[in-house]
N, C-alpha and C. Protein backbone atom coordinates (compact mmCIF):
# COMPACT_ATOMS: atom_id res chain seq x y z
N UNK A 1 40.85 -10.20 -30.49
CA UNK A 1 41.23 -10.30 -29.11
C UNK A 1 40.33 -11.31 -28.42
N UNK A 2 40.93 -12.25 -27.73
CA UNK A 2 40.18 -13.31 -27.05
C UNK A 2 39.86 -12.87 -25.62
N UNK A 3 38.72 -13.35 -25.15
CA UNK A 3 38.31 -13.05 -23.78
C UNK A 3 38.81 -14.20 -22.90
N UNK A 4 39.46 -13.83 -21.83
CA UNK A 4 39.99 -14.85 -20.92
C UNK A 4 38.83 -15.52 -20.19
N UNK A 5 39.03 -16.76 -19.75
CA UNK A 5 37.98 -17.46 -19.00
C UNK A 5 37.56 -16.68 -17.74
N UNK A 6 38.51 -16.03 -17.09
CA UNK A 6 38.19 -15.26 -15.88
C UNK A 6 37.28 -14.08 -16.23
N UNK A 7 37.60 -13.37 -17.32
CA UNK A 7 36.77 -12.24 -17.75
C UNK A 7 35.37 -12.71 -18.12
N UNK A 8 35.28 -13.84 -18.79
CA UNK A 8 34.00 -14.40 -19.16
C UNK A 8 33.18 -14.76 -17.91
N UNK A 9 33.88 -15.31 -16.92
CA UNK A 9 33.23 -15.65 -15.65
C UNK A 9 32.68 -14.39 -14.98
N UNK A 10 33.47 -13.34 -14.91
CA UNK A 10 33.05 -12.08 -14.28
C UNK A 10 31.86 -11.48 -15.04
N UNK A 11 31.92 -11.49 -16.36
CA UNK A 11 30.81 -10.97 -17.16
C UNK A 11 29.53 -11.78 -16.93
N UNK A 12 29.67 -13.09 -16.85
CA UNK A 12 28.47 -13.91 -16.64
C UNK A 12 27.86 -13.63 -15.27
N UNK A 13 28.70 -13.44 -14.26
CA UNK A 13 28.18 -13.09 -12.92
C UNK A 13 27.46 -11.75 -12.98
N UNK A 14 28.03 -10.78 -13.67
CA UNK A 14 27.42 -9.46 -13.79
C UNK A 14 26.04 -9.57 -14.45
N UNK A 15 25.95 -10.27 -15.57
CA UNK A 15 24.67 -10.39 -16.27
C UNK A 15 23.65 -11.19 -15.47
N UNK A 16 24.11 -12.25 -14.81
CA UNK A 16 23.19 -13.06 -14.00
C UNK A 16 22.65 -12.26 -12.82
N UNK A 17 23.53 -11.50 -12.15
CA UNK A 17 23.06 -10.70 -11.01
C UNK A 17 22.10 -9.61 -11.48
N UNK A 18 22.33 -9.03 -12.65
CA UNK A 18 21.37 -8.05 -13.19
C UNK A 18 20.03 -8.71 -13.48
N UNK A 19 20.07 -9.95 -13.97
CA UNK A 19 18.83 -10.68 -14.22
C UNK A 19 18.06 -10.89 -12.92
N UNK A 20 18.78 -11.29 -11.85
CA UNK A 20 18.12 -11.51 -10.56
C UNK A 20 17.52 -10.23 -10.01
N UNK A 21 18.25 -9.12 -10.12
CA UNK A 21 17.74 -7.85 -9.63
C UNK A 21 16.50 -7.44 -10.42
N UNK A 22 16.55 -7.57 -11.73
CA UNK A 22 15.40 -7.23 -12.56
C UNK A 22 14.23 -8.14 -12.24
N UNK A 23 14.48 -9.41 -12.08
CA UNK A 23 13.43 -10.37 -11.77
C UNK A 23 12.79 -10.04 -10.43
N UNK A 24 13.61 -9.71 -9.45
CA UNK A 24 13.09 -9.37 -8.12
C UNK A 24 12.18 -8.15 -8.18
N UNK A 25 12.59 -7.11 -8.91
CA UNK A 25 11.79 -5.91 -9.02
C UNK A 25 10.49 -6.18 -9.76
N UNK A 26 10.52 -7.04 -10.79
CA UNK A 26 9.30 -7.30 -11.55
C UNK A 26 8.28 -8.10 -10.73
N UNK A 27 8.74 -8.76 -9.66
CA UNK A 27 7.81 -9.49 -8.79
C UNK A 27 6.79 -8.59 -8.13
N UNK A 28 7.10 -7.29 -7.99
CA UNK A 28 6.18 -6.41 -7.28
C UNK A 28 4.86 -6.26 -8.02
N UNK A 29 4.80 -6.61 -9.27
CA UNK A 29 3.58 -6.50 -10.04
C UNK A 29 3.00 -7.87 -10.39
N UNK A 30 3.41 -8.87 -9.68
CA UNK A 30 3.02 -10.23 -10.01
C UNK A 30 1.50 -10.42 -9.95
N UNK A 31 0.97 -11.17 -10.90
CA UNK A 31 -0.47 -11.46 -10.88
C UNK A 31 -0.88 -12.27 -9.64
N UNK A 32 0.06 -13.00 -9.06
CA UNK A 32 -0.25 -13.77 -7.85
C UNK A 32 -0.77 -12.86 -6.74
N UNK A 33 -0.13 -11.71 -6.58
CA UNK A 33 -0.54 -10.79 -5.52
C UNK A 33 -1.94 -10.25 -5.80
N UNK A 34 -2.21 -9.84 -7.03
CA UNK A 34 -3.54 -9.33 -7.38
C UNK A 34 -4.60 -10.40 -7.17
N UNK A 35 -4.30 -11.59 -7.63
CA UNK A 35 -5.25 -12.70 -7.50
C UNK A 35 -5.50 -13.02 -6.02
N UNK A 36 -4.42 -13.07 -5.25
CA UNK A 36 -4.53 -13.37 -3.82
C UNK A 36 -5.32 -12.29 -3.09
N UNK A 37 -5.00 -11.04 -3.35
CA UNK A 37 -5.72 -9.95 -2.68
C UNK A 37 -7.19 -9.92 -3.08
N UNK A 38 -7.48 -10.19 -4.34
CA UNK A 38 -8.89 -10.25 -4.76
C UNK A 38 -9.65 -11.32 -3.98
N UNK A 39 -9.03 -12.49 -3.84
CA UNK A 39 -9.68 -13.58 -3.07
C UNK A 39 -9.86 -13.18 -1.62
N UNK A 40 -8.83 -12.57 -1.05
CA UNK A 40 -8.87 -12.20 0.36
C UNK A 40 -9.98 -11.19 0.64
N UNK A 41 -10.07 -10.15 -0.17
CA UNK A 41 -11.09 -9.11 0.11
C UNK A 41 -12.50 -9.64 -0.11
N UNK A 42 -12.64 -10.64 -0.97
CA UNK A 42 -13.96 -11.27 -1.13
C UNK A 42 -14.32 -12.10 0.10
N UNK A 43 -13.32 -12.70 0.73
CA UNK A 43 -13.54 -13.54 1.92
C UNK A 43 -13.66 -12.74 3.20
N UNK A 44 -12.93 -11.63 3.31
CA UNK A 44 -12.83 -10.93 4.59
C UNK A 44 -13.06 -9.43 4.43
N UNK A 45 -14.16 -8.92 4.99
CA UNK A 45 -14.45 -7.49 4.88
C UNK A 45 -13.49 -6.61 5.69
N UNK A 46 -12.66 -7.22 6.55
CA UNK A 46 -11.70 -6.46 7.35
C UNK A 46 -10.45 -6.08 6.57
N UNK A 47 -10.31 -6.58 5.34
CA UNK A 47 -9.12 -6.32 4.55
C UNK A 47 -9.46 -5.47 3.34
N UNK A 48 -8.73 -4.38 3.18
CA UNK A 48 -8.93 -3.55 1.98
C UNK A 48 -7.98 -4.03 0.89
N UNK A 49 -8.42 -3.94 -0.34
CA UNK A 49 -7.61 -4.40 -1.47
C UNK A 49 -6.29 -3.63 -1.53
N UNK A 50 -6.34 -2.31 -1.38
CA UNK A 50 -5.11 -1.51 -1.49
C UNK A 50 -4.12 -1.83 -0.38
N UNK A 51 -4.62 -2.03 0.84
CA UNK A 51 -3.74 -2.40 1.94
C UNK A 51 -3.09 -3.75 1.66
N UNK A 52 -3.88 -4.70 1.20
CA UNK A 52 -3.37 -6.03 0.88
C UNK A 52 -2.30 -5.94 -0.20
N UNK A 53 -2.63 -5.25 -1.28
CA UNK A 53 -1.72 -5.13 -2.41
C UNK A 53 -0.40 -4.47 -1.99
N UNK A 54 -0.49 -3.36 -1.31
CA UNK A 54 0.71 -2.64 -0.87
C UNK A 54 1.54 -3.49 0.09
N UNK A 55 0.88 -4.16 1.02
CA UNK A 55 1.59 -4.98 2.00
C UNK A 55 2.30 -6.14 1.34
N UNK A 56 1.61 -6.85 0.46
CA UNK A 56 2.23 -8.01 -0.18
C UNK A 56 3.32 -7.61 -1.15
N UNK A 57 3.14 -6.48 -1.83
CA UNK A 57 4.21 -5.99 -2.70
C UNK A 57 5.45 -5.65 -1.89
N UNK A 58 5.25 -5.04 -0.74
CA UNK A 58 6.37 -4.73 0.14
C UNK A 58 7.03 -6.01 0.64
N UNK A 59 6.20 -7.00 0.97
CA UNK A 59 6.72 -8.26 1.52
C UNK A 59 7.63 -8.99 0.54
N UNK A 60 7.32 -8.91 -0.74
CA UNK A 60 8.10 -9.68 -1.71
C UNK A 60 9.19 -8.88 -2.40
N UNK A 61 9.39 -7.64 -2.02
CA UNK A 61 10.29 -6.80 -2.80
C UNK A 61 11.71 -7.33 -2.91
N UNK A 62 12.15 -8.14 -1.97
CA UNK A 62 13.51 -8.69 -2.05
C UNK A 62 13.51 -10.19 -2.34
N UNK A 63 12.38 -10.71 -2.78
CA UNK A 63 12.28 -12.14 -3.04
C UNK A 63 12.39 -12.42 -4.53
N UNK A 64 13.16 -13.44 -4.82
CA UNK A 64 13.29 -13.84 -6.22
C UNK A 64 12.13 -14.74 -6.63
N UNK A 65 11.76 -15.64 -5.76
CA UNK A 65 10.72 -16.62 -6.09
C UNK A 65 9.57 -16.46 -5.10
N UNK A 66 8.37 -16.35 -5.63
CA UNK A 66 7.21 -16.23 -4.75
C UNK A 66 6.08 -17.11 -5.27
N UNK A 67 5.60 -17.96 -4.38
CA UNK A 67 4.36 -18.69 -4.62
C UNK A 67 3.45 -18.41 -3.43
N UNK A 68 2.28 -18.99 -3.41
CA UNK A 68 1.33 -18.68 -2.36
C UNK A 68 1.88 -19.03 -0.97
N UNK A 69 2.55 -20.16 -0.87
CA UNK A 69 3.11 -20.57 0.42
C UNK A 69 4.16 -19.57 0.90
N UNK A 70 5.05 -19.17 0.03
CA UNK A 70 6.08 -18.18 0.39
C UNK A 70 5.44 -16.84 0.72
N UNK A 71 4.39 -16.49 0.01
CA UNK A 71 3.67 -15.25 0.28
C UNK A 71 3.11 -15.25 1.70
N UNK A 72 2.62 -16.40 2.14
CA UNK A 72 2.13 -16.54 3.51
C UNK A 72 3.25 -16.35 4.52
N UNK A 73 4.39 -16.95 4.25
CA UNK A 73 5.54 -16.83 5.14
C UNK A 73 6.01 -15.37 5.23
N UNK A 74 6.09 -14.71 4.09
CA UNK A 74 6.50 -13.31 4.07
C UNK A 74 5.48 -12.42 4.78
N UNK A 75 4.21 -12.78 4.68
CA UNK A 75 3.16 -12.02 5.37
C UNK A 75 3.27 -12.16 6.88
N UNK A 76 3.61 -13.35 7.34
CA UNK A 76 3.83 -13.53 8.78
C UNK A 76 5.02 -12.68 9.20
N UNK A 77 6.02 -12.59 8.35
CA UNK A 77 7.15 -11.72 8.62
C UNK A 77 6.73 -10.27 8.79
N UNK A 78 5.78 -9.83 7.98
CA UNK A 78 5.25 -8.47 8.12
C UNK A 78 4.54 -8.29 9.45
N UNK A 79 3.76 -9.28 9.85
CA UNK A 79 3.08 -9.21 11.14
C UNK A 79 4.13 -9.11 12.25
N UNK A 80 5.14 -9.93 12.18
CA UNK A 80 6.20 -9.93 13.19
C UNK A 80 6.89 -8.57 13.25
N UNK A 81 7.20 -8.02 12.11
CA UNK A 81 7.85 -6.71 12.05
C UNK A 81 6.96 -5.63 12.64
N UNK A 82 5.68 -5.64 12.30
CA UNK A 82 4.75 -4.64 12.82
C UNK A 82 4.55 -4.77 14.33
N UNK A 83 4.42 -5.99 14.80
CA UNK A 83 4.25 -6.22 16.24
C UNK A 83 5.49 -5.74 17.00
N UNK A 84 6.66 -6.09 16.51
CA UNK A 84 7.90 -5.69 17.16
C UNK A 84 8.07 -4.17 17.15
N UNK A 85 7.80 -3.55 16.00
CA UNK A 85 7.90 -2.08 15.91
C UNK A 85 6.91 -1.40 16.83
N UNK A 86 5.71 -1.94 16.94
CA UNK A 86 4.70 -1.36 17.82
C UNK A 86 5.13 -1.49 19.27
N UNK A 87 5.70 -2.62 19.63
CA UNK A 87 6.22 -2.81 20.99
C UNK A 87 7.23 -1.72 21.33
N UNK A 88 8.18 -1.48 20.43
CA UNK A 88 9.21 -0.46 20.67
C UNK A 88 8.61 0.95 20.70
N UNK A 89 7.61 1.18 19.85
CA UNK A 89 6.92 2.47 19.84
C UNK A 89 6.23 2.72 21.18
N UNK A 90 5.60 1.69 21.71
CA UNK A 90 4.92 1.81 23.01
C UNK A 90 5.93 2.14 24.11
N UNK A 91 7.08 1.47 24.09
CA UNK A 91 8.08 1.76 25.14
C UNK A 91 8.53 3.21 25.07
N UNK A 92 8.64 3.75 23.86
CA UNK A 92 9.01 5.17 23.71
C UNK A 92 7.90 6.07 24.25
N UNK A 93 6.66 5.76 23.94
CA UNK A 93 5.54 6.57 24.42
C UNK A 93 5.46 6.58 25.94
N UNK A 94 5.68 5.43 26.55
CA UNK A 94 5.59 5.32 28.01
C UNK A 94 6.63 6.20 28.70
N UNK A 95 7.76 6.42 28.07
CA UNK A 95 8.82 7.25 28.65
C UNK A 95 8.44 8.73 28.72
N UNK A 96 7.41 9.12 27.99
CA UNK A 96 6.99 10.52 27.97
C UNK A 96 6.39 10.89 29.32
N UNK A 97 7.02 11.80 30.01
CA UNK A 97 6.59 12.22 31.36
C UNK A 97 5.28 13.02 31.34
N UNK A 98 4.98 13.63 30.20
CA UNK A 98 3.78 14.48 30.10
C UNK A 98 2.55 13.73 29.64
N UNK A 99 2.64 12.44 29.56
CA UNK A 99 1.54 11.63 29.05
C UNK A 99 0.39 11.54 30.06
N UNK A 100 -0.82 11.65 29.57
CA UNK A 100 -2.01 11.51 30.40
C UNK A 100 -1.97 10.15 31.10
N UNK A 101 -2.34 10.12 32.38
CA UNK A 101 -2.24 8.89 33.17
C UNK A 101 -3.15 7.77 32.63
N UNK A 102 -4.33 8.12 32.09
CA UNK A 102 -5.22 7.11 31.51
C UNK A 102 -4.60 6.46 30.28
N UNK A 103 -3.98 7.28 29.47
CA UNK A 103 -3.32 6.76 28.27
C UNK A 103 -2.13 5.89 28.67
N UNK A 104 -1.39 6.35 29.67
CA UNK A 104 -0.22 5.59 30.13
C UNK A 104 -0.63 4.21 30.64
N UNK A 105 -1.74 4.14 31.40
CA UNK A 105 -2.23 2.84 31.89
C UNK A 105 -2.57 1.91 30.72
N UNK A 106 -3.23 2.46 29.73
CA UNK A 106 -3.57 1.66 28.54
C UNK A 106 -2.31 1.18 27.83
N UNK A 107 -1.33 2.07 27.73
CA UNK A 107 -0.07 1.71 27.05
C UNK A 107 0.67 0.60 27.79
N UNK A 108 0.64 0.64 29.10
CA UNK A 108 1.29 -0.42 29.89
C UNK A 108 0.62 -1.76 29.60
N UNK A 109 -0.72 -1.76 29.54
CA UNK A 109 -1.45 -2.99 29.18
C UNK A 109 -1.07 -3.45 27.77
N UNK A 110 -1.02 -2.49 26.85
CA UNK A 110 -0.68 -2.82 25.46
C UNK A 110 0.75 -3.34 25.34
N UNK A 111 1.63 -2.79 26.16
CA UNK A 111 3.02 -3.26 26.13
C UNK A 111 3.09 -4.74 26.48
N UNK A 112 2.34 -5.14 27.48
CA UNK A 112 2.30 -6.55 27.86
C UNK A 112 1.69 -7.41 26.74
N UNK A 113 0.61 -6.91 26.16
CA UNK A 113 -0.04 -7.64 25.06
C UNK A 113 0.92 -7.81 23.88
N UNK A 114 1.61 -6.74 23.52
CA UNK A 114 2.53 -6.81 22.38
C UNK A 114 3.78 -7.61 22.71
N UNK A 115 4.20 -7.59 23.95
CA UNK A 115 5.34 -8.42 24.36
C UNK A 115 5.00 -9.89 24.13
N UNK A 116 3.82 -10.30 24.56
CA UNK A 116 3.37 -11.68 24.33
C UNK A 116 3.17 -11.96 22.84
N UNK A 117 2.70 -10.96 22.12
CA UNK A 117 2.43 -11.14 20.69
C UNK A 117 3.71 -11.41 19.89
N UNK A 118 4.82 -10.84 20.34
CA UNK A 118 6.09 -11.07 19.63
C UNK A 118 6.44 -12.55 19.64
N UNK A 119 6.38 -13.18 20.82
CA UNK A 119 6.70 -14.61 20.88
C UNK A 119 5.63 -15.45 20.19
N UNK A 120 4.39 -14.99 20.23
CA UNK A 120 3.30 -15.73 19.59
C UNK A 120 3.43 -15.71 18.07
N UNK A 121 3.81 -14.58 17.50
CA UNK A 121 3.96 -14.53 16.04
C UNK A 121 5.18 -15.35 15.60
N UNK A 122 6.19 -15.41 16.44
CA UNK A 122 7.35 -16.27 16.12
C UNK A 122 6.94 -17.75 16.15
N UNK A 123 6.07 -18.08 17.08
CA UNK A 123 5.52 -19.44 17.13
C UNK A 123 4.70 -19.72 15.88
N UNK A 124 3.93 -18.75 15.45
CA UNK A 124 3.14 -18.89 14.21
C UNK A 124 4.07 -19.16 13.03
N UNK A 125 5.16 -18.43 12.96
CA UNK A 125 6.13 -18.60 11.87
C UNK A 125 6.70 -20.01 11.89
N UNK A 126 7.06 -20.49 13.07
CA UNK A 126 7.62 -21.85 13.19
C UNK A 126 6.58 -22.89 12.76
N UNK A 127 5.36 -22.75 13.23
CA UNK A 127 4.30 -23.69 12.86
C UNK A 127 4.00 -23.64 11.37
N UNK A 128 4.02 -22.45 10.82
CA UNK A 128 3.77 -22.30 9.38
C UNK A 128 4.84 -23.02 8.57
N UNK A 129 6.08 -22.83 8.97
CA UNK A 129 7.19 -23.49 8.25
C UNK A 129 7.06 -25.01 8.31
N UNK A 130 6.51 -25.51 9.43
CA UNK A 130 6.32 -26.95 9.59
C UNK A 130 4.99 -27.43 8.98
N UNK A 131 4.31 -26.52 8.33
CA UNK A 131 3.00 -26.80 7.69
C UNK A 131 1.92 -27.18 8.71
N UNK A 132 2.07 -26.71 9.90
CA UNK A 132 1.04 -26.89 10.94
C UNK A 132 0.14 -25.66 10.89
N UNK A 133 -0.65 -25.60 9.85
CA UNK A 133 -1.44 -24.40 9.59
C UNK A 133 -2.48 -24.13 10.66
N UNK A 134 -3.06 -25.16 11.25
CA UNK A 134 -4.04 -24.92 12.32
C UNK A 134 -3.39 -24.27 13.52
N UNK A 135 -2.20 -24.73 13.90
CA UNK A 135 -1.49 -24.12 15.02
C UNK A 135 -1.06 -22.69 14.69
N UNK A 136 -0.60 -22.48 13.46
CA UNK A 136 -0.21 -21.13 13.03
C UNK A 136 -1.43 -20.21 13.03
N UNK A 137 -2.58 -20.75 12.63
CA UNK A 137 -3.83 -20.00 12.61
C UNK A 137 -4.20 -19.53 14.02
N UNK A 138 -4.09 -20.43 14.98
CA UNK A 138 -4.41 -20.09 16.37
C UNK A 138 -3.48 -18.98 16.86
N UNK A 139 -2.20 -19.09 16.55
CA UNK A 139 -1.23 -18.09 17.01
C UNK A 139 -1.49 -16.72 16.36
N UNK A 140 -1.72 -16.69 15.06
CA UNK A 140 -2.00 -15.42 14.39
C UNK A 140 -3.30 -14.82 14.92
N UNK A 141 -4.29 -15.64 15.17
CA UNK A 141 -5.54 -15.15 15.74
C UNK A 141 -5.31 -14.52 17.11
N UNK A 142 -4.41 -15.10 17.89
CA UNK A 142 -4.09 -14.55 19.21
C UNK A 142 -3.40 -13.19 19.08
N UNK A 143 -2.55 -13.04 18.07
CA UNK A 143 -1.89 -11.76 17.83
C UNK A 143 -2.92 -10.71 17.43
N UNK A 144 -3.86 -11.10 16.59
CA UNK A 144 -4.93 -10.18 16.19
C UNK A 144 -5.77 -9.78 17.40
N UNK A 145 -6.06 -10.74 18.26
CA UNK A 145 -6.82 -10.45 19.49
C UNK A 145 -6.06 -9.48 20.38
N UNK A 146 -4.75 -9.62 20.45
CA UNK A 146 -3.94 -8.72 21.27
C UNK A 146 -4.06 -7.28 20.77
N UNK A 147 -3.98 -7.10 19.46
CA UNK A 147 -4.11 -5.75 18.89
C UNK A 147 -5.50 -5.18 19.16
N UNK A 148 -6.51 -6.01 19.03
CA UNK A 148 -7.89 -5.57 19.27
C UNK A 148 -8.11 -5.26 20.75
N UNK A 149 -7.59 -6.09 21.63
CA UNK A 149 -7.71 -5.87 23.07
C UNK A 149 -7.01 -4.58 23.48
N UNK A 150 -5.84 -4.35 22.90
CA UNK A 150 -5.11 -3.11 23.16
C UNK A 150 -5.99 -1.91 22.80
N UNK A 151 -6.55 -1.94 21.63
CA UNK A 151 -7.37 -0.82 21.15
C UNK A 151 -8.62 -0.66 22.01
N UNK A 152 -9.21 -1.76 22.42
CA UNK A 152 -10.42 -1.69 23.26
C UNK A 152 -10.13 -1.04 24.62
N UNK A 153 -8.92 -1.20 25.12
CA UNK A 153 -8.55 -0.56 26.38
C UNK A 153 -8.68 0.95 26.31
N UNK A 154 -8.28 1.52 25.19
CA UNK A 154 -8.40 2.98 25.01
C UNK A 154 -9.87 3.39 24.91
N UNK A 155 -10.65 2.57 24.21
CA UNK A 155 -12.07 2.87 24.06
C UNK A 155 -12.78 2.83 25.41
N UNK A 156 -12.45 1.84 26.23
CA UNK A 156 -13.07 1.72 27.55
C UNK A 156 -12.76 2.93 28.44
N UNK A 157 -11.56 3.47 28.32
CA UNK A 157 -11.17 4.64 29.11
C UNK A 157 -11.61 5.94 28.45
N UNK A 158 -12.20 5.79 27.25
CA UNK A 158 -12.68 6.95 26.47
C UNK A 158 -11.56 7.98 26.21
N UNK A 159 -10.41 7.46 25.79
CA UNK A 159 -9.28 8.31 25.41
C UNK A 159 -8.84 7.92 23.99
N UNK A 160 -8.25 8.89 23.31
CA UNK A 160 -7.75 8.62 21.95
C UNK A 160 -6.53 7.73 22.00
N UNK A 161 -6.54 6.74 21.15
CA UNK A 161 -5.44 5.80 21.12
C UNK A 161 -4.31 6.29 20.21
N UNK A 162 -3.10 6.37 20.74
CA UNK A 162 -1.96 6.71 19.89
C UNK A 162 -1.50 5.50 19.06
N UNK A 163 -2.18 4.36 19.26
CA UNK A 163 -1.80 3.12 18.57
C UNK A 163 -2.86 2.68 17.55
N UNK A 164 -3.88 3.48 17.36
CA UNK A 164 -5.02 3.06 16.53
C UNK A 164 -4.59 2.50 15.16
N UNK A 165 -3.81 3.24 14.43
CA UNK A 165 -3.37 2.81 13.10
C UNK A 165 -2.52 1.54 13.19
N UNK A 166 -1.63 1.50 14.15
CA UNK A 166 -0.76 0.33 14.32
C UNK A 166 -1.57 -0.91 14.68
N UNK A 167 -2.52 -0.75 15.60
CA UNK A 167 -3.38 -1.88 15.98
C UNK A 167 -4.19 -2.37 14.79
N UNK A 168 -4.73 -1.43 14.03
CA UNK A 168 -5.51 -1.80 12.85
C UNK A 168 -4.65 -2.52 11.82
N UNK A 169 -3.42 -2.05 11.63
CA UNK A 169 -2.52 -2.68 10.67
C UNK A 169 -2.18 -4.11 11.08
N UNK A 170 -1.88 -4.31 12.37
CA UNK A 170 -1.58 -5.66 12.85
C UNK A 170 -2.78 -6.57 12.62
N UNK A 171 -3.96 -6.07 12.92
CA UNK A 171 -5.17 -6.87 12.75
C UNK A 171 -5.38 -7.22 11.27
N UNK A 172 -5.23 -6.23 10.40
CA UNK A 172 -5.45 -6.46 8.97
C UNK A 172 -4.38 -7.37 8.37
N UNK A 173 -3.14 -7.20 8.78
CA UNK A 173 -2.08 -8.10 8.31
C UNK A 173 -2.34 -9.53 8.78
N UNK A 174 -2.81 -9.66 10.01
CA UNK A 174 -3.17 -10.99 10.52
C UNK A 174 -4.28 -11.62 9.70
N UNK A 175 -5.27 -10.81 9.32
CA UNK A 175 -6.37 -11.32 8.50
C UNK A 175 -5.87 -11.79 7.13
N UNK A 176 -4.88 -11.09 6.59
CA UNK A 176 -4.28 -11.50 5.31
C UNK A 176 -3.61 -12.86 5.47
N UNK A 177 -2.85 -13.02 6.55
CA UNK A 177 -2.16 -14.29 6.80
C UNK A 177 -3.18 -15.43 6.94
N UNK A 178 -4.23 -15.20 7.74
CA UNK A 178 -5.25 -16.24 7.92
C UNK A 178 -5.89 -16.63 6.59
N UNK A 179 -6.17 -15.65 5.76
CA UNK A 179 -6.78 -15.93 4.46
C UNK A 179 -5.84 -16.73 3.56
N UNK A 180 -4.57 -16.38 3.57
CA UNK A 180 -3.60 -17.14 2.75
C UNK A 180 -3.51 -18.57 3.25
N UNK A 181 -3.48 -18.76 4.57
CA UNK A 181 -3.42 -20.12 5.11
C UNK A 181 -4.66 -20.92 4.72
N UNK A 182 -5.81 -20.28 4.70
CA UNK A 182 -7.03 -21.01 4.31
C UNK A 182 -6.98 -21.42 2.85
N UNK A 183 -6.28 -20.66 2.02
CA UNK A 183 -6.12 -21.00 0.61
C UNK A 183 -5.16 -22.18 0.41
N UNK A 184 -4.29 -22.39 1.38
CA UNK A 184 -3.28 -23.45 1.26
C UNK A 184 -3.80 -24.84 1.58
N UNK A 185 -4.93 -24.91 2.30
CA UNK A 185 -5.46 -26.25 2.59
C UNK A 185 -6.94 -26.31 2.48
């Protein structure tokens, strides 16, 4: 029995797509990520190896091809996602009528900081794509400053921050991006 050209075409698409899916999944254990995270944690005490590894593995989970430059781009995407999610989280917290007034004041300040950070991280992404690493560096640094400033507002008022983990994550993800950019030039 002969296989028709159409059947052969369908079979080849099936096998090729399975190859791509398998290749994409195997990227999560790529030596590039381990090597990159090792370099980053040696350069920056603000980054933990496990956080770096988990973040970068998550960043590449749907990518077929990853090199250091693409890893940087995907990392900026993580920063953007975290900043945007934190912004929305803050808006939800502010709606809570039972919230302590000191915390609410801090959240309003943080909302403004994160609102600005969303456009700043998008600017960083644009500059990164254009290989303007110094400009991207300035923008990512500003996003990190926003997260730190937000957290400092709670400390100044001596109240517990409902954003502590989120602020720390944005800061640490930003540090990862800065380290990757420094490796690129």
